[in-house]
Amino acid sequence: MAKKVVASLQSSGKDFAKVIKMSKSAKSGAYTFREDIIPTDKVKGYFGNN
């Protein structure tokens, strides 16, 4: 019974993706990184917005 619960939890994680976006600060020139976990169908939109 416990194996079915673990298997169902693993399959639901495939609908999300961890994305890391890099941006450069205009003031100091340093790079900053932003990490988010978003649904896989919104990944292209996340990187499309600057």
PDB file of N, CA and C in Angstrom:
ATOM      1  N   MET A   1       0.829  -1.192   0.000  1.00  0.00           N
ATOM      2  CA  MET A   1       0.000   0.000   0.000  1.00  0.00           C
ATOM      3  C   MET A   1       0.872   1.254   0.000  1.00  0.00           C
ATOM      4  N   ALA A   2       1.957   1.258   0.733  1.00  0.00           N
ATOM      5  CA  ALA A   2       2.805   2.448   0.803  1.00  0.00           C
ATOM      6  C   ALA A   2       3.485   2.723  -0.529  1.00  0.00           C
ATOM      7  N   LYS A   3       3.778   1.685  -1.282  1.00  0.00           N
ATOM      8  CA  LYS A   3       4.440   1.896  -2.568  1.00  0.00           C
ATOM      9  C   LYS A   3       3.544   2.647  -3.539  1.00  0.00           C
ATOM     10  N   LYS A   4       2.245   2.429  -3.483  1.00  0.00           N
ATOM     11  CA  LYS A   4       1.327   3.138  -4.363  1.00  0.00           C
ATOM     12  C   LYS A   4       1.292   4.634  -4.040  1.00  0.00           C
ATOM     13  N   VAL A   5       1.372   4.978  -2.777  1.00  0.00           N
ATOM     14  CA  VAL A   5       1.358   6.383  -2.378  1.00  0.00           C
ATOM     15  C   VAL A   5       2.625   7.073  -2.874  1.00  0.00           C
ATOM     16  N   VAL A   6       3.763   6.441  -2.726  1.00  0.00           N
ATOM     17  CA  VAL A   6       5.024   7.023  -3.182  1.00  0.00           C
ATOM     18  C   VAL A   6       5.013   7.184  -4.700  1.00  0.00           C
ATOM     19  N   ALA A   7       4.520   6.199  -5.408  1.00  0.00           N
ATOM     20  CA  ALA A   7       4.474   6.280  -6.864  1.00  0.00           C
ATOM     21  C   ALA A   7       3.556   7.405  -7.332  1.00  0.00           C
ATOM     22  N   SER A   8       2.451   7.616  -6.653  1.00  0.00           N
ATOM     23  CA  SER A   8       1.542   8.683  -7.062  1.00  0.00           C
ATOM     24  C   SER A   8       2.135  10.059  -6.777  1.00  0.00           C
ATOM     25  N   LEU A   9       2.918  10.200  -5.731  1.00  0.00           N
ATOM     26  CA  LEU A   9       3.554  11.481  -5.441  1.00  0.00           C
ATOM     27  C   LEU A   9       4.635  11.800  -6.469  1.00  0.00           C
ATOM     28  N   GLN A  10       5.365  10.804  -6.918  1.00  0.00           N
ATOM     29  CA  GLN A  10       6.418  11.038  -7.895  1.00  0.00           C
ATOM     30  C   GLN A  10       5.839  11.448  -9.248  1.00  0.00           C
ATOM     31  N   SER A  11       4.731  10.905  -9.621  1.00  0.00           N
ATOM     32  CA  SER A  11       4.163  11.252 -10.929  1.00  0.00           C
ATOM     33  C   SER A  11       3.604  12.671 -10.955  1.00  0.00           C
ATOM     34  N   SER A  12       3.186  13.206  -9.821  1.00  0.00           N
ATOM     35  CA  SER A  12       2.635  14.557  -9.808  1.00  0.00           C
ATOM     36  C   SER A  12       3.733  15.621  -9.895  1.00  0.00           C
ATOM     37  N   GLY A  13       4.977  15.284  -9.593  1.00  0.00           N
ATOM     38  CA  GLY A  13       6.074  16.238  -9.666  1.00  0.00           C
ATOM     39  C   GLY A  13       6.526  16.547 -11.075  1.00  0.00           C
ATOM     40  N   LYS A  14       6.068  15.767 -12.034  1.00  0.00           N
ATOM     41  CA  LYS A  14       6.486  15.981 -13.414  1.00  0.00           C
ATOM     42  C   LYS A  14       5.777  17.166 -14.050  1.00  0.00           C
ATOM     43  N   ASP A  15       4.787  17.709 -13.405  1.00  0.00           N
ATOM     44  CA  ASP A  15       4.050  18.840 -13.949  1.00  0.00           C
ATOM     45  C   ASP A  15       4.712  20.177 -13.631  1.00  0.00           C
ATOM     46  N   PHE A  16       5.795  20.158 -12.884  1.00  0.00           N
ATOM     47  CA  PHE A  16       6.474  21.382 -12.480  1.00  0.00           C
ATOM     48  C   PHE A  16       7.940  21.331 -12.889  1.00  0.00           C
ATOM     49  N   ALA A  17       8.532  22.500 -13.082  1.00  0.00           N
ATOM     50  CA  ALA A  17       9.942  22.602 -13.448  1.00  0.00           C
ATOM     51  C   ALA A  17      10.601  23.679 -12.601  1.00  0.00           C
ATOM     52  N   LYS A  18      11.838  23.425 -12.217  1.00  0.00           N
ATOM     53  CA  LYS A  18      12.621  24.428 -11.494  1.00  0.00           C
ATOM     54  C   LYS A  18      13.395  25.227 -12.534  1.00  0.00           C
ATOM     55  N   VAL A  19      13.194  26.529 -12.546  1.00  0.00           N
ATOM     56  CA  VAL A  19      13.848  27.392 -13.529  1.00  0.00           C
ATOM     57  C   VAL A  19      14.741  28.397 -12.806  1.00  0.00           C
ATOM     58  N   ILE A  20      15.846  28.722 -13.441  1.00  0.00           N
ATOM     59  CA  ILE A  20      16.799  29.683 -12.886  1.00  0.00           C
ATOM     60  C   ILE A  20      17.003  30.765 -13.933  1.00  0.00           C
ATOM     61  N   LYS A  21      16.738  31.999 -13.550  1.00  0.00           N
ATOM     62  CA  LYS A  21      16.852  33.133 -14.470  1.00  0.00           C
ATOM     63  C   LYS A  21      17.982  34.045 -13.987  1.00  0.00           C
ATOM     64  N   MET A  22      18.883  34.406 -14.903  1.00  0.00           N
ATOM     65  CA  MET A  22      20.018  35.248 -14.560  1.00  0.00           C
ATOM     66  C   MET A  22      19.779  36.648 -15.098  1.00  0.00           C
ATOM     67  N   SER A  23      20.098  37.650 -14.287  1.00  0.00           N
ATOM     68  CA  SER A  23      20.002  39.029 -14.753  1.00  0.00           C
ATOM     69  C   SER A  23      21.196  39.818 -14.227  1.00  0.00           C
ATOM     70  N   LYS A  24      21.585  40.815 -14.993  1.00  0.00           N
ATOM     71  CA  LYS A  24      22.736  41.634 -14.635  1.00  0.00           C
ATOM     72  C   LYS A  24      22.255  42.974 -14.113  1.00  0.00           C
ATOM     73  N   SER A  25      22.784  43.388 -12.985  1.00  0.00           N
ATOM     74  CA  SER A  25      22.414  44.659 -12.383  1.00  0.00           C
ATOM     75  C   SER A  25      23.066  45.805 -13.151  1.00  0.00           C
ATOM     76  N   ALA A  26      22.270  46.791 -13.488  1.00  0.00           N
ATOM     77  CA  ALA A  26      22.802  47.950 -14.208  1.00  0.00           C
ATOM     78  C   ALA A  26      23.659  48.825 -13.298  1.00  0.00           C
ATOM     79  N   LYS A  27      23.365  48.813 -12.029  1.00  0.00           N
ATOM     80  CA  LYS A  27      24.060  49.678 -11.076  1.00  0.00           C
ATOM     81  C   LYS A  27      25.459  49.161 -10.749  1.00  0.00           C
ATOM     82  N   SER A  28      25.566  47.885 -10.368  1.00  0.00           N
ATOM     83  CA  SER A  28      26.848  47.354  -9.928  1.00  0.00           C
ATOM     84  C   SER A  28      27.498  46.423 -10.945  1.00  0.00           C
ATOM     85  N   GLY A  29      26.745  45.941 -11.913  1.00  0.00           N
ATOM     86  CA  GLY A  29      27.302  45.022 -12.896  1.00  0.00           C
ATOM     87  C   GLY A  29      27.352  43.580 -12.422  1.00  0.00           C
ATOM     88  N   ALA A  30      26.856  43.311 -11.226  1.00  0.00           N
ATOM     89  CA  ALA A  30      26.871  41.956 -10.676  1.00  0.00           C
ATOM     90  C   ALA A  30      25.688  41.165 -11.223  1.00  0.00           C
ATOM     91  N   TYR A  31      25.870  39.872 -11.301  1.00  0.00           N
ATOM     92  CA  TYR A  31      24.804  38.992 -11.765  1.00  0.00           C
ATOM     93  C   TYR A  31      23.992  38.487 -10.579  1.00  0.00           C
ATOM     94  N   THR A  32      22.691  38.419 -10.752  1.00  0.00           N
ATOM     95  CA  THR A  32      21.808  37.854  -9.736  1.00  0.00           C
ATOM     96  C   THR A  32      21.030  36.707 -10.362  1.00  0.00           C
ATOM     97  N   PHE A  33      20.711  35.731  -9.545  1.00  0.00           N
ATOM     98  CA  PHE A  33      19.994  34.559 -10.008  1.00  0.00           C
ATOM     99  C   PHE A  33      18.690  34.440  -9.241  1.00  0.00           C
ATOM    100  N   ARG A  34      17.633  34.118  -9.963  1.00  0.00           N
ATOM    101  CA  ARG A  34      16.326  33.928  -9.343  1.00  0.00           C
ATOM    102  C   ARG A  34      15.834  32.525  -9.677  1.00  0.00           C
ATOM    103  N   GLU A  35      15.509  31.762  -8.642  1.00  0.00           N
ATOM    104  CA  GLU A  35      15.028  30.398  -8.828  1.00  0.00           C
ATOM    105  C   GLU A  35      13.540  30.340  -8.502  1.00  0.00           C
ATOM    106  N   ASP A  36      12.776  29.692  -9.381  1.00  0.00           N
ATOM    107  CA  ASP A  36      11.348  29.514  -9.170  1.00  0.00           C
ATOM    108  C   ASP A  36      10.955  28.109  -9.584  1.00  0.00           C
ATOM    109  N   ILE A  37       9.873  27.624  -9.028  1.00  0.00           N
ATOM    110  CA  ILE A  37       9.274  26.366  -9.440  1.00  0.00           C
ATOM    111  C   ILE A  37       7.920  26.711 -10.045  1.00  0.00           C
ATOM    112  N   ILE A  38       7.775  26.438 -11.341  1.00  0.00           N
ATOM    113  CA  ILE A  38       6.575  26.834 -12.070  1.00  0.00           C
ATOM    114  C   ILE A  38       6.033  25.635 -12.854  1.00  0.00           C
ATOM    115  N   PRO A  39       4.778  25.685 -13.279  1.00  0.00           N
ATOM    116  CA  PRO A  39       4.231  24.611 -14.110  1.00  0.00           C
ATOM    117  C   PRO A  39       4.975  24.527 -15.446  1.00  0.00           C
ATOM    118  N   THR A  40       5.116  23.327 -15.972  1.00  0.00           N
ATOM    119  CA  THR A  40       5.897  23.132 -17.188  1.00  0.00           C
ATOM    120  C   THR A  40       5.300  23.845 -18.394  1.00  0.00           C
ATOM    121  N   ASP A  41       4.006  24.070 -18.414  1.00  0.00           N
ATOM    122  CA  ASP A  41       3.411  24.729 -19.574  1.00  0.00           C
ATOM    123  C   ASP A  41       3.653  26.239 -19.579  1.00  0.00           C
ATOM    124  N   LYS A  42       4.198  26.810 -18.521  1.00  0.00           N
ATOM    125  CA  LYS A  42       4.454  28.254 -18.450  1.00  0.00           C
ATOM    126  C   LYS A  42       5.940  28.597 -18.504  1.00  0.00           C
ATOM    127  N   VAL A  43       6.789  27.630 -18.830  1.00  0.00           N
ATOM    128  CA  VAL A  43       8.235  27.859 -18.844  1.00  0.00           C
ATOM    129  C   VAL A  43       8.624  28.851 -19.937  1.00  0.00           C
ATOM    130  N   LYS A  44       8.096  28.677 -21.139  1.00  0.00           N
ATOM    131  CA  LYS A  44       8.458  29.578 -22.244  1.00  0.00           C
ATOM    132  C   LYS A  44       8.014  31.009 -21.960  1.00  0.00           C
ATOM    133  N   GLY A  45       6.871  31.185 -21.347  1.00  0.00           N
ATOM    134  CA  GLY A  45       6.397  32.506 -20.980  1.00  0.00           C
ATOM    135  C   GLY A  45       7.234  33.154 -19.904  1.00  0.00           C
ATOM    136  N   TYR A  46       7.780  32.346 -19.007  1.00  0.00           N
ATOM    137  CA  TYR A  46       8.625  32.854 -17.926  1.00  0.00           C
ATOM    138  C   TYR A  46       9.904  33.458 -18.482  1.00  0.00           C
ATOM    139  N   PHE A  47      10.521  32.800 -19.453  1.00  0.00           N
ATOM    140  CA  PHE A  47      11.752  33.315 -20.023  1.00  0.00           C
ATOM    141  C   PHE A  47      11.485  34.344 -21.107  1.00  0.00           C
ATOM    142  N   GLY A  48      10.308  34.404 -21.648  1.00  0.00           N
ATOM    143  CA  GLY A  48       9.978  35.371 -22.670  1.00  0.00           C
ATOM    144  C   GLY A  48       9.822  36.782 -22.121  1.00  0.00           C
ATOM    145  N   ASN A  49       9.394  36.914 -20.869  1.00  0.00           N
ATOM    146  CA  ASN A  49       9.220  38.229 -20.248  1.00  0.00           C
ATOM    147  C   ASN A  49      10.547  38.722 -19.725  1.00  0.00           C
ATOM    148  N   ASN A  50      10.998  39.869 -20.208  1.00  0.00           N
ATOM    149  CA  ASN A  50      12.286  40.419 -19.743  1.00  0.00           C
ATOM    150  C   ASN A  50      12.086  41.432 -18.676  1.00  0.00           C
TER     151      ASN A  50
END
